[in-house]
Amino acid sequence: MILSLPPGEFDAYLFDCDGTIADSMPLRFLAWQQALSEWGCELSEELFYAWGGRTVVDIITDLNARQGLAMPVLAVARRGEELCQEMLPKLTAVPGVLEHIEAEYGRIPFAVVSGSSRESVTASLTALALLDKFEVMVCAGEYPRPKPAPDPFLLAAQQLGVDPKHCLVFEDADNGIQAAQAAGMAWVRVPTLSR
């Protein structure tokens, strides 16, 4: 079923990737749970989803602080991404979002705005045969402040040459919706498919 959009005309669509374009969150949870357990770290499903939209580096840093651990942040991030890559053959697109991409592709520009690495986003979009649909990708490490700050969305709008007030954001996470609101953009919440 297609998602209903807020009223108005939009000149660009900005999409989060994990949980919005790609139904990757259940797979990513399993991968991250395994990666973190290798360093004696626990991650609940509730916390994983609550932290949606945050960068991997921030999440690992916070988990170290909360659990009194000293996990090597970059090594853990690499391991988690390796495990996520192994699960890509099981990846599917979120149907309601895919319908909007197919309906509007070529009419208005699209951007992906993600808290994941460029490598991870590229791999997911390639697995879904959607990579060529996006004119701009804004990924972790490419903006000063991550979601819920507006920086990632504002950078995407700037790169597309579209006024933020004429952008529509597709997001599944509270952090992303807060970022869209802070950027002065309209948004549509993508419901979580499976948990």
C-alpha atoms as a PDB file:
ATOM      1  CA  MET A   1       0.000   0.000   0.000  1.00  0.00           C
ATOM      2  CA  ILE A   2       1.342   3.416  -0.945  1.00  0.00           C
ATOM      3  CA  LEU A   3       2.117   5.814   1.905  1.00  0.00           C
ATOM      4  CA  SER A   4      -0.054   8.902   2.125  1.00  0.00           C
ATOM      5  CA  LEU A   5       1.911  12.109   1.830  1.00  0.00           C
ATOM      6  CA  PRO A   6       1.351  15.464   3.511  1.00  0.00           C
ATOM      7  CA  PRO A   7      -0.388  18.103   1.375  1.00  0.00           C
ATOM      8  CA  GLY A   8       1.693  20.294  -0.901  1.00  0.00           C
ATOM      9  CA  GLU A   9       3.899  20.224  -3.949  1.00  0.00           C
ATOM     10  CA  PHE A  10       7.451  19.036  -3.419  1.00  0.00           C
ATOM     11  CA  ASP A  11      10.518  19.645  -5.576  1.00  0.00           C
ATOM     12  CA  ALA A  12      12.648  16.857  -4.067  1.00  0.00           C
ATOM     13  CA  TYR A  13      12.267  13.684  -2.028  1.00  0.00           C
ATOM     14  CA  LEU A  14      14.858  12.911   0.657  1.00  0.00           C
ATOM     15  CA  PHE A  15      14.945   9.335   1.914  1.00  0.00           C
ATOM     16  CA  ASP A  16      16.583   7.724   4.890  1.00  0.00           C
ATOM     17  CA  CYS A  17      17.986   4.333   3.837  1.00  0.00           C
ATOM     18  CA  ASP A  18      17.828   1.678   6.578  1.00  0.00           C
ATOM     19  CA  GLY A  19      14.248   1.039   7.619  1.00  0.00           C
ATOM     20  CA  THR A  20      12.917   3.499   5.043  1.00  0.00           C
ATOM     21  CA  ILE A  21      14.036   2.426   1.554  1.00  0.00           C
ATOM     22  CA  ALA A  22      15.500  -0.895   2.669  1.00  0.00           C
ATOM     23  CA  ASP A  23      13.702  -3.185   5.108  1.00  0.00           C
ATOM     24  CA  SER A  24      17.120  -3.717   6.647  1.00  0.00           C
ATOM     25  CA  MET A  25      16.559  -2.988  10.319  1.00  0.00           C
ATOM     26  CA  PRO A  26      15.785  -6.582  11.422  1.00  0.00           C
ATOM     27  CA  LEU A  27      18.856  -7.810   9.507  1.00  0.00           C
ATOM     28  CA  ARG A  28      21.008  -4.971  10.832  1.00  0.00           C
ATOM     29  CA  PHE A  29      19.878  -5.707  14.392  1.00  0.00           C
ATOM     30  CA  LEU A  30      20.987  -9.344  14.101  1.00  0.00           C
ATOM     31  CA  ALA A  31      24.311  -8.338  12.547  1.00  0.00           C
ATOM     32  CA  TRP A  32      25.040  -5.684  15.181  1.00  0.00           C
ATOM     33  CA  GLN A  33      23.956  -7.928  18.017  1.00  0.00           C
ATOM     34  CA  GLN A  34      26.461 -10.549  16.814  1.00  0.00           C
ATOM     35  CA  ALA A  35      29.264  -8.026  16.224  1.00  0.00           C
ATOM     36  CA  LEU A  36      28.841  -6.403  19.635  1.00  0.00           C
ATOM     37  CA  SER A  37      28.598  -9.724  21.470  1.00  0.00           C
ATOM     38  CA  GLU A  38      32.077 -10.576  20.148  1.00  0.00           C
ATOM     39  CA  TRP A  39      33.326  -7.747  22.425  1.00  0.00           C
ATOM     40  CA  GLY A  40      31.073  -8.663  25.353  1.00  0.00           C
ATOM     41  CA  CYS A  41      28.570  -5.895  24.632  1.00  0.00           C
ATOM     42  CA  GLU A  42      24.810  -6.281  24.837  1.00  0.00           C
ATOM     43  CA  LEU A  43      22.340  -4.381  22.666  1.00  0.00           C
ATOM     44  CA  SER A  44      18.626  -4.704  23.285  1.00  0.00           C
ATOM     45  CA  GLU A  45      16.186  -4.559  20.402  1.00  0.00           C
ATOM     46  CA  GLU A  46      14.395  -1.660  22.103  1.00  0.00           C
ATOM     47  CA  LEU A  47      17.592   0.419  22.312  1.00  0.00           C
ATOM     48  CA  PHE A  48      18.602  -0.499  18.760  1.00  0.00           C
ATOM     49  CA  TYR A  49      15.351   0.899  17.360  1.00  0.00           C
ATOM     50  CA  ALA A  50      15.321   3.891  19.721  1.00  0.00           C
ATOM     51  CA  TRP A  51      18.765   4.872  18.405  1.00  0.00           C
ATOM     52  CA  GLY A  52      17.684   4.633  14.753  1.00  0.00           C
ATOM     53  CA  GLY A  53      19.222   7.362  12.612  1.00  0.00           C
ATOM     54  CA  ARG A  54      22.327   7.780  14.787  1.00  0.00           C
ATOM     55  CA  THR A  55      25.789   7.114  13.392  1.00  0.00           C
ATOM     56  CA  VAL A  56      27.446   3.777  14.134  1.00  0.00           C
ATOM     57  CA  VAL A  57      30.428   5.541  15.729  1.00  0.00           C
ATOM     58  CA  ASP A  58      28.140   7.436  18.144  1.00  0.00           C
ATOM     59  CA  ILE A  59      26.275   4.255  19.046  1.00  0.00           C
ATOM     60  CA  ILE A  60      29.426   2.247  19.781  1.00  0.00           C
ATOM     61  CA  THR A  61      30.877   5.148  21.782  1.00  0.00           C
ATOM     62  CA  ASP A  62      27.693   5.380  23.887  1.00  0.00           C
ATOM     63  CA  LEU A  63      27.579   1.612  24.402  1.00  0.00           C
ATOM     64  CA  ASN A  64      31.194   1.711  25.653  1.00  0.00           C
ATOM     65  CA  ALA A  65      30.263   4.429  28.162  1.00  0.00           C
ATOM     66  CA  ARG A  66      27.033   2.755  29.314  1.00  0.00           C
ATOM     67  CA  GLN A  67      28.548  -0.713  29.754  1.00  0.00           C
ATOM     68  CA  GLY A  68      32.026   0.282  30.972  1.00  0.00           C
ATOM     69  CA  LEU A  69      33.663  -1.235  27.897  1.00  0.00           C
ATOM     70  CA  ALA A  70      36.590  -0.175  25.731  1.00  0.00           C
ATOM     71  CA  MET A  71      35.535  -1.663  22.401  1.00  0.00           C
ATOM     72  CA  PRO A  72      37.701  -0.414  19.512  1.00  0.00           C
ATOM     73  CA  VAL A  73      35.101   1.768  17.795  1.00  0.00           C
ATOM     74  CA  LEU A  74      36.373   1.513  14.214  1.00  0.00           C
ATOM     75  CA  ALA A  75      37.089  -2.225  14.432  1.00  0.00           C
ATOM     76  CA  VAL A  76      33.609  -2.918  15.839  1.00  0.00           C
ATOM     77  CA  ALA A  77      32.055  -0.686  13.159  1.00  0.00           C
ATOM     78  CA  ARG A  78      33.926  -2.610  10.429  1.00  0.00           C
ATOM     79  CA  ARG A  79      32.864  -5.965  11.871  1.00  0.00           C
ATOM     80  CA  GLY A  80      29.223  -4.904  12.106  1.00  0.00           C
ATOM     81  CA  GLU A  81      29.252  -3.712   8.505  1.00  0.00           C
ATOM     82  CA  GLU A  82      30.900  -6.979   7.366  1.00  0.00           C
ATOM     83  CA  LEU A  83      28.077  -8.939   8.968  1.00  0.00           C
ATOM     84  CA  CYS A  84      25.485  -6.599   7.439  1.00  0.00           C
ATOM     85  CA  GLN A  85      27.049  -7.117   4.001  1.00  0.00           C
ATOM     86  CA  GLU A  86      26.750 -10.895   4.423  1.00  0.00           C
ATOM     87  CA  MET A  87      22.991 -10.468   4.909  1.00  0.00           C
ATOM     88  CA  LEU A  88      22.432  -8.318   1.788  1.00  0.00           C
ATOM     89  CA  PRO A  89      21.042 -11.204  -0.309  1.00  0.00           C
ATOM     90  CA  LYS A  90      18.071 -11.293   2.110  1.00  0.00           C
ATOM     91  CA  LEU A  91      17.419  -7.547   1.791  1.00  0.00           C
ATOM     92  CA  THR A  92      14.093  -6.296   0.438  1.00  0.00           C
ATOM     93  CA  ALA A  93      12.696  -2.824  -0.260  1.00  0.00           C
ATOM     94  CA  VAL A  94       9.929  -1.244   1.818  1.00  0.00           C
ATOM     95  CA  PRO A  95       6.920  -1.581  -0.530  1.00  0.00           C
ATOM     96  CA  GLY A  96       5.154   1.736   0.184  1.00  0.00           C
ATOM     97  CA  VAL A  97       8.382   3.695  -0.271  1.00  0.00           C
ATOM     98  CA  LEU A  98       9.364   1.755  -3.396  1.00  0.00           C
ATOM     99  CA  GLU A  99       6.019   2.718  -4.969  1.00  0.00           C
ATOM    100  CA  HIS A 100       6.805   6.434  -4.449  1.00  0.00           C
ATOM    101  CA  ILE A 101      10.295   6.004  -5.885  1.00  0.00           C
ATOM    102  CA  GLU A 102       8.939   4.272  -8.969  1.00  0.00           C
ATOM    103  CA  ALA A 103       6.082   6.768  -9.408  1.00  0.00           C
ATOM    104  CA  GLU A 104       8.185   9.946  -9.082  1.00  0.00           C
ATOM    105  CA  TYR A 105      11.569   8.894 -10.484  1.00  0.00           C
ATOM    106  CA  GLY A 106      12.555  11.241 -13.305  1.00  0.00           C
ATOM    107  CA  ARG A 107       9.982  13.873 -12.298  1.00  0.00           C
ATOM    108  CA  ILE A 108      11.769  15.242  -9.217  1.00  0.00           C
ATOM    109  CA  PRO A 109      15.254  14.606  -7.814  1.00  0.00           C
ATOM    110  CA  PHE A 110      15.897  12.130  -5.001  1.00  0.00           C
ATOM    111  CA  ALA A 111      18.543  12.045  -2.279  1.00  0.00           C
ATOM    112  CA  VAL A 112      19.464   9.444   0.321  1.00  0.00           C
ATOM    113  CA  VAL A 113      20.252  10.930   3.729  1.00  0.00           C
ATOM    114  CA  SER A 114      21.639   8.300   6.077  1.00  0.00           C
ATOM    115  CA  GLY A 115      23.459   7.819   9.348  1.00  0.00           C
ATOM    116  CA  SER A 116      25.156   4.789   7.779  1.00  0.00           C
ATOM    117  CA  SER A 117      28.418   4.850   5.857  1.00  0.00           C
ATOM    118  CA  ARG A 118      28.472   5.584   2.132  1.00  0.00           C
ATOM    119  CA  GLU A 119      29.769   2.049   1.564  1.00  0.00           C
ATOM    120  CA  SER A 120      26.842   0.542   3.479  1.00  0.00           C
ATOM    121  CA  VAL A 121      24.212   2.690   1.727  1.00  0.00           C
ATOM    122  CA  THR A 122      25.727   1.970  -1.697  1.00  0.00           C
ATOM    123  CA  ALA A 123      25.723  -1.770  -0.993  1.00  0.00           C
ATOM    124  CA  SER A 124      22.073  -1.729   0.147  1.00  0.00           C
ATOM    125  CA  LEU A 125      20.860   0.339  -2.817  1.00  0.00           C
ATOM    126  CA  THR A 126      22.870  -1.813  -5.226  1.00  0.00           C
ATOM    127  CA  ALA A 127      21.353  -4.997  -3.750  1.00  0.00           C
ATOM    128  CA  LEU A 128      17.897  -3.480  -4.306  1.00  0.00           C
ATOM    129  CA  ALA A 129      18.776  -2.274  -7.857  1.00  0.00           C
ATOM    130  CA  LEU A 130      17.937   1.314  -6.822  1.00  0.00           C
ATOM    131  CA  LEU A 131      21.333   3.020  -6.700  1.00  0.00           C
ATOM    132  CA  ASP A 132      20.914   4.821 -10.039  1.00  0.00           C
ATOM    133  CA  LYS A 133      17.667   6.453  -8.869  1.00  0.00           C
ATOM    134  CA  PHE A 134      19.417   8.839  -6.454  1.00  0.00           C
ATOM    135  CA  GLU A 135      21.201  11.982  -7.575  1.00  0.00           C
ATOM    136  CA  VAL A 136      22.682  12.732  -4.165  1.00  0.00           C
ATOM    137  CA  MET A 137      23.817  10.624  -1.215  1.00  0.00           C
ATOM    138  CA  VAL A 138      24.618  12.203   2.146  1.00  0.00           C
ATOM    139  CA  CYS A 139      26.075   9.651   4.549  1.00  0.00           C
ATOM    140  CA  ALA A 140      27.755   9.373   7.962  1.00  0.00           C
ATOM    141  CA  GLY A 141      30.840  11.528   8.342  1.00  0.00           C
ATOM    142  CA  GLU A 142      29.817  13.944   5.579  1.00  0.00           C
ATOM    143  CA  TYR A 143      27.992  16.468   7.775  1.00  0.00           C
ATOM    144  CA  PRO A 144      28.951  18.317  10.970  1.00  0.00           C
ATOM    145  CA  ARG A 145      26.158  17.047  13.252  1.00  0.00           C
ATOM    146  CA  PRO A 146      24.126  13.837  12.788  1.00  0.00           C
ATOM    147  CA  LYS A 147      20.359  13.445  13.071  1.00  0.00           C
ATOM    148  CA  PRO A 148      18.410  14.745  15.048  1.00  0.00           C
ATOM    149  CA  ALA A 149      20.313  17.880  13.956  1.00  0.00           C
ATOM    150  CA  PRO A 150      19.076  19.213  10.590  1.00  0.00           C
ATOM    151  CA  ASP A 151      22.562  19.201   9.016  1.00  0.00           C
ATOM    152  CA  PRO A 152      22.256  15.994   6.925  1.00  0.00           C
ATOM    153  CA  PHE A 153      18.957  17.051   5.347  1.00  0.00           C
ATOM    154  CA  LEU A 154      20.068  20.639   4.776  1.00  0.00           C
ATOM    155  CA  LEU A 155      23.232  19.398   3.040  1.00  0.00           C
ATOM    156  CA  ALA A 156      21.182  17.138   0.762  1.00  0.00           C
ATOM    157  CA  ALA A 157      18.826  20.003  -0.157  1.00  0.00           C
ATOM    158  CA  GLN A 158      21.821  22.241  -0.889  1.00  0.00           C
ATOM    159  CA  GLN A 159      23.442  19.579  -3.100  1.00  0.00           C
ATOM    160  CA  LEU A 160      20.159  19.116  -4.989  1.00  0.00           C
ATOM    161  CA  GLY A 161      19.719  22.894  -5.311  1.00  0.00           C
ATOM    162  CA  VAL A 162      16.248  22.737  -3.729  1.00  0.00           C
ATOM    163  CA  ASP A 163      14.933  25.022  -0.986  1.00  0.00           C
ATOM    164  CA  PRO A 164      14.452  22.970   2.224  1.00  0.00           C
ATOM    165  CA  LYS A 165      10.801  24.028   2.494  1.00  0.00           C
ATOM    166  CA  HIS A 166      10.155  22.309  -0.856  1.00  0.00           C
ATOM    167  CA  CYS A 167      11.644  18.964   0.249  1.00  0.00           C
ATOM    168  CA  LEU A 168       9.715  15.960   1.525  1.00  0.00           C
ATOM    169  CA  VAL A 169      11.527  13.588   3.883  1.00  0.00           C
ATOM    170  CA  PHE A 170      10.727   9.867   4.163  1.00  0.00           C
ATOM    171  CA  GLU A 171      11.857   8.582   7.592  1.00  0.00           C
ATOM    172  CA  ASP A 172      11.238   5.672   9.937  1.00  0.00           C
ATOM    173  CA  ALA A 173      13.150   6.930  13.005  1.00  0.00           C
ATOM    174  CA  ASP A 174      12.276   9.605  15.539  1.00  0.00           C
ATOM    175  CA  ASN A 175      15.772  11.115  15.225  1.00  0.00           C
ATOM    176  CA  GLY A 176      15.252  11.511  11.490  1.00  0.00           C
ATOM    177  CA  ILE A 177      11.834  13.091  11.869  1.00  0.00           C
ATOM    178  CA  GLN A 178      13.232  15.546  14.416  1.00  0.00           C
ATOM    179  CA  ALA A 179      16.014  16.377  11.933  1.00  0.00           C
ATOM    180  CA  ALA A 180      13.489  16.951   9.129  1.00  0.00           C
ATOM    181  CA  GLN A 181      11.399  19.220  11.349  1.00  0.00           C
ATOM    182  CA  ALA A 182      14.501  21.169  12.430  1.00  0.00           C
ATOM    183  CA  ALA A 183      15.393  21.599   8.724  1.00  0.00           C
ATOM    184  CA  GLY A 184      11.926  23.049   8.040  1.00  0.00           C
ATOM    185  CA  MET A 185      10.960  20.141   5.804  1.00  0.00           C
ATOM    186  CA  ALA A 186       7.714  18.234   5.470  1.00  0.00           C
ATOM    187  CA  TRP A 187       7.979  14.550   6.341  1.00  0.00           C
ATOM    188  CA  VAL A 188       6.192  11.232   6.189  1.00  0.00           C
ATOM    189  CA  ARG A 189       6.778   8.493   8.754  1.00  0.00           C
ATOM    190  CA  VAL A 190       7.525   5.106   7.240  1.00  0.00           C
ATOM    191  CA  PRO A 191       6.047   2.432   9.506  1.00  0.00           C
ATOM    192  CA  THR A 192       8.356  -0.316  10.707  1.00  0.00           C
ATOM    193  CA  LEU A 193       7.545  -3.460   8.754  1.00  0.00           C
ATOM    194  CA  SER A 194       8.962  -6.159  10.985  1.00  0.00           C
ATOM    195  CA  ARG A 195      10.430  -6.325  14.439  1.00  0.00           C
END
